């Protein structure tokens, strides 16, 4: 029964994240960057999740084996608890770390007050 609940939860996380991406204000570009794409697009912020660090306001995470175009302080990206799709995105973030999938991160256009890149949307390529 628990396994079924987890599978349903992951399915809903993927569906909700996909739904939020469909209505994103920023373009979702998962092709390799041509070098002139803005730093916040997913083509410039991707990799495998190597660290999850939850705190009271959200969760910090780091990426490896990819590109961190936003150049966040100490390499940390941030998913704030106030994000309207937080739970689905956190579930997807955890699952990508567990399965070592490549995660693409669409960020705010500027670093937050602490110098970290704030995540808006995720995309996952399951077969890369």
C-alpha atoms as a PDB file:
ATOM      1  CA  UNK A   1       0.000   0.000   0.000  1.00  0.00           C
ATOM      2  CA  UNK A   2       2.817   2.431   0.903  1.00  0.00           C
ATOM      3  CA  UNK A   3       4.550   1.797  -2.435  1.00  0.00           C
ATOM      4  CA  UNK A   4       1.352   2.635  -4.290  1.00  0.00           C
ATOM      5  CA  UNK A   5       0.969   5.896  -2.355  1.00  0.00           C
ATOM      6  CA  UNK A   6       4.559   6.864  -3.191  1.00  0.00           C
ATOM      7  CA  UNK A   7       4.023   6.095  -6.895  1.00  0.00           C
ATOM      8  CA  UNK A   8       0.807   8.150  -6.940  1.00  0.00           C
ATOM      9  CA  UNK A   9       2.610  11.006  -5.151  1.00  0.00           C
ATOM     10  CA  UNK A  10       5.478  11.003  -7.652  1.00  0.00           C
ATOM     11  CA  UNK A  11       3.004  10.834 -10.546  1.00  0.00           C
ATOM     12  CA  UNK A  12       1.110  13.839  -9.171  1.00  0.00           C
ATOM     13  CA  UNK A  13       4.375  15.736  -8.639  1.00  0.00           C
ATOM     14  CA  UNK A  14       5.351  15.187 -12.270  1.00  0.00           C
ATOM     15  CA  UNK A  15       1.878  16.133 -13.537  1.00  0.00           C
ATOM     16  CA  UNK A  16       1.699  19.285 -11.406  1.00  0.00           C
ATOM     17  CA  UNK A  17       5.208  20.367 -12.369  1.00  0.00           C
ATOM     18  CA  UNK A  18       4.429  19.770 -16.043  1.00  0.00           C
ATOM     19  CA  UNK A  19       1.212  21.774 -15.643  1.00  0.00           C
ATOM     20  CA  UNK A  20       3.094  24.666 -14.036  1.00  0.00           C
ATOM     21  CA  UNK A  21       5.683  24.585 -16.836  1.00  0.00           C
ATOM     22  CA  UNK A  22       2.915  24.853 -19.427  1.00  0.00           C
ATOM     23  CA  UNK A  23       1.918  28.206 -17.940  1.00  0.00           C
ATOM     24  CA  UNK A  24       5.414  29.504 -17.206  1.00  0.00           C
ATOM     25  CA  UNK A  25       6.071  33.129 -18.080  1.00  0.00           C
ATOM     26  CA  UNK A  26       9.622  32.312 -19.128  1.00  0.00           C
ATOM     27  CA  UNK A  27      10.534  30.018 -22.002  1.00  0.00           C
ATOM     28  CA  UNK A  28      11.623  26.513 -21.121  1.00  0.00           C
ATOM     29  CA  UNK A  29      14.770  25.808 -23.123  1.00  0.00           C
ATOM     30  CA  UNK A  30      16.364  22.445 -22.476  1.00  0.00           C
ATOM     31  CA  UNK A  31      18.671  22.512 -25.459  1.00  0.00           C
ATOM     32  CA  UNK A  32      22.342  23.240 -24.766  1.00  0.00           C
ATOM     33  CA  UNK A  33      22.992  26.935 -24.427  1.00  0.00           C
ATOM     34  CA  UNK A  34      24.323  28.787 -27.413  1.00  0.00           C
ATOM     35  CA  UNK A  35      26.226  31.044 -25.045  1.00  0.00           C
ATOM     36  CA  UNK A  36      23.907  34.026 -25.471  1.00  0.00           C
ATOM     37  CA  UNK A  37      20.913  32.670 -23.517  1.00  0.00           C
ATOM     38  CA  UNK A  38      20.046  34.489 -20.287  1.00  0.00           C
ATOM     39  CA  UNK A  39      21.654  32.997 -17.161  1.00  0.00           C
ATOM     40  CA  UNK A  40      18.288  32.052 -15.614  1.00  0.00           C
ATOM     41  CA  UNK A  41      17.060  29.682 -18.352  1.00  0.00           C
ATOM     42  CA  UNK A  42      17.188  25.927 -17.869  1.00  0.00           C
ATOM     43  CA  UNK A  43      19.746  25.590 -20.656  1.00  0.00           C
ATOM     44  CA  UNK A  44      22.173  27.289 -18.274  1.00  0.00           C
ATOM     45  CA  UNK A  45      21.119  25.639 -14.986  1.00  0.00           C
ATOM     46  CA  UNK A  46      21.115  21.875 -14.937  1.00  0.00           C
ATOM     47  CA  UNK A  47      22.803  18.874 -13.433  1.00  0.00           C
ATOM     48  CA  UNK A  48      22.346  16.047 -10.986  1.00  0.00           C
ATOM     49  CA  UNK A  49      21.181  16.926  -7.481  1.00  0.00           C
ATOM     50  CA  UNK A  50      23.997  16.239  -5.049  1.00  0.00           C
ATOM     51  CA  UNK A  51      22.730  17.902  -1.871  1.00  0.00           C
ATOM     52  CA  UNK A  52      19.361  18.738  -0.296  1.00  0.00           C
ATOM     53  CA  UNK A  53      19.377  21.052   2.709  1.00  0.00           C
ATOM     54  CA  UNK A  54      15.906  21.871   4.090  1.00  0.00           C
ATOM     55  CA  UNK A  55      15.422  24.803   6.448  1.00  0.00           C
ATOM     56  CA  UNK A  56      12.405  26.657   7.842  1.00  0.00           C
ATOM     57  CA  UNK A  57      11.947  28.762   4.717  1.00  0.00           C
ATOM     58  CA  UNK A  58      12.405  26.112   2.013  1.00  0.00           C
ATOM     59  CA  UNK A  59      15.114  23.822   0.702  1.00  0.00           C
ATOM     60  CA  UNK A  60      18.595  24.496  -0.667  1.00  0.00           C
ATOM     61  CA  UNK A  61      20.069  22.162  -3.271  1.00  0.00           C
ATOM     62  CA  UNK A  62      23.268  21.815  -5.289  1.00  0.00           C
ATOM     63  CA  UNK A  63      23.857  20.483  -8.791  1.00  0.00           C
ATOM     64  CA  UNK A  64      26.860  18.600 -10.214  1.00  0.00           C
ATOM     65  CA  UNK A  65      27.818  17.337 -13.682  1.00  0.00           C
ATOM     66  CA  UNK A  66      26.080  20.214 -15.428  1.00  0.00           C
ATOM     67  CA  UNK A  67      26.050  23.976 -15.660  1.00  0.00           C
ATOM     68  CA  UNK A  68      25.254  26.645 -13.067  1.00  0.00           C
ATOM     69  CA  UNK A  69      24.780  29.737 -15.201  1.00  0.00           C
ATOM     70  CA  UNK A  70      23.292  31.810 -12.379  1.00  0.00           C
ATOM     71  CA  UNK A  71      26.516  31.360 -10.369  1.00  0.00           C
ATOM     72  CA  UNK A  72      24.719  31.190  -7.018  1.00  0.00           C
ATOM     73  CA  UNK A  73      26.652  31.779  -3.796  1.00  0.00           C
ATOM     74  CA  UNK A  74      28.362  28.554  -2.684  1.00  0.00           C
ATOM     75  CA  UNK A  75      26.560  26.795  -5.565  1.00  0.00           C
ATOM     76  CA  UNK A  76      23.189  26.755  -3.769  1.00  0.00           C
ATOM     77  CA  UNK A  77      19.867  26.932  -5.543  1.00  0.00           C
ATOM     78  CA  UNK A  78      16.794  27.585  -3.400  1.00  0.00           C
ATOM     79  CA  UNK A  79      13.175  26.444  -3.510  1.00  0.00           C
ATOM     80  CA  UNK A  80      11.170  28.639  -1.122  1.00  0.00           C
ATOM     81  CA  UNK A  81       8.391  27.131   0.976  1.00  0.00           C
ATOM     82  CA  UNK A  82       6.180  29.982  -0.253  1.00  0.00           C
ATOM     83  CA  UNK A  83       6.293  28.661  -3.848  1.00  0.00           C
ATOM     84  CA  UNK A  84       2.696  27.779  -4.848  1.00  0.00           C
ATOM     85  CA  UNK A  85       3.823  24.358  -6.123  1.00  0.00           C
ATOM     86  CA  UNK A  86       6.387  23.681  -3.364  1.00  0.00           C
ATOM     87  CA  UNK A  87       5.358  20.168  -2.352  1.00  0.00           C
ATOM     88  CA  UNK A  88       5.221  18.809  -5.904  1.00  0.00           C
ATOM     89  CA  UNK A  89       8.551  20.454  -6.781  1.00  0.00           C
ATOM     90  CA  UNK A  90      10.181  19.208  -3.561  1.00  0.00           C
ATOM     91  CA  UNK A  91       8.960  15.677  -4.273  1.00  0.00           C
ATOM     92  CA  UNK A  92      10.395  15.876  -7.781  1.00  0.00           C
ATOM     93  CA  UNK A  93      13.651  17.343  -6.451  1.00  0.00           C
ATOM     94  CA  UNK A  94      14.010  14.471  -3.985  1.00  0.00           C
ATOM     95  CA  UNK A  95      13.166  11.878  -6.635  1.00  0.00           C
ATOM     96  CA  UNK A  96      15.725  13.266  -9.099  1.00  0.00           C
ATOM     97  CA  UNK A  97      18.384  13.103  -6.383  1.00  0.00           C
ATOM     98  CA  UNK A  98      17.440   9.523  -5.539  1.00  0.00           C
ATOM     99  CA  UNK A  99      17.405   8.342  -9.162  1.00  0.00           C
ATOM    100  CA  UNK A 100      20.353  10.518 -10.315  1.00  0.00           C
ATOM    101  CA  UNK A 101      18.269  12.057 -13.099  1.00  0.00           C
ATOM    102  CA  UNK A 102      19.356  15.305 -14.722  1.00  0.00           C
ATOM    103  CA  UNK A 103      17.366  18.260 -13.360  1.00  0.00           C
ATOM    104  CA  UNK A 104      16.870  21.479 -15.333  1.00  0.00           C
ATOM    105  CA  UNK A 105      16.115  24.563 -13.216  1.00  0.00           C
ATOM    106  CA  UNK A 106      14.350  27.723 -14.380  1.00  0.00           C
ATOM    107  CA  UNK A 107      15.304  30.527 -11.953  1.00  0.00           C
ATOM    108  CA  UNK A 108      14.310  34.047 -11.029  1.00  0.00           C
ATOM    109  CA  UNK A 109      16.190  36.492 -13.235  1.00  0.00           C
ATOM    110  CA  UNK A 110      18.290  37.735 -10.279  1.00  0.00           C
ATOM    111  CA  UNK A 111      19.882  36.059  -7.273  1.00  0.00           C
ATOM    112  CA  UNK A 112      17.982  36.436  -3.989  1.00  0.00           C
ATOM    113  CA  UNK A 113      19.183  38.633  -1.092  1.00  0.00           C
ATOM    114  CA  UNK A 114      21.417  35.799   0.163  1.00  0.00           C
ATOM    115  CA  UNK A 115      23.047  35.335  -3.248  1.00  0.00           C
ATOM    116  CA  UNK A 116      21.277  32.064  -4.093  1.00  0.00           C
ATOM    117  CA  UNK A 117      19.363  31.249  -7.288  1.00  0.00           C
ATOM    118  CA  UNK A 118      15.637  30.878  -6.573  1.00  0.00           C
ATOM    119  CA  UNK A 119      13.961  28.063  -8.519  1.00  0.00           C
ATOM    120  CA  UNK A 120      10.678  28.704 -10.346  1.00  0.00           C
ATOM    121  CA  UNK A 121      10.218  25.542 -12.389  1.00  0.00           C
ATOM    122  CA  UNK A 122      11.920  22.189 -12.949  1.00  0.00           C
ATOM    123  CA  UNK A 123      12.196  19.901 -15.941  1.00  0.00           C
ATOM    124  CA  UNK A 124      13.554  16.351 -15.821  1.00  0.00           C
ATOM    125  CA  UNK A 125      14.984  14.249 -18.630  1.00  0.00           C
ATOM    126  CA  UNK A 126      14.487  10.679 -17.466  1.00  0.00           C
ATOM    127  CA  UNK A 127      16.594   8.983 -20.134  1.00  0.00           C
ATOM    128  CA  UNK A 128      19.729  11.155 -20.255  1.00  0.00           C
END
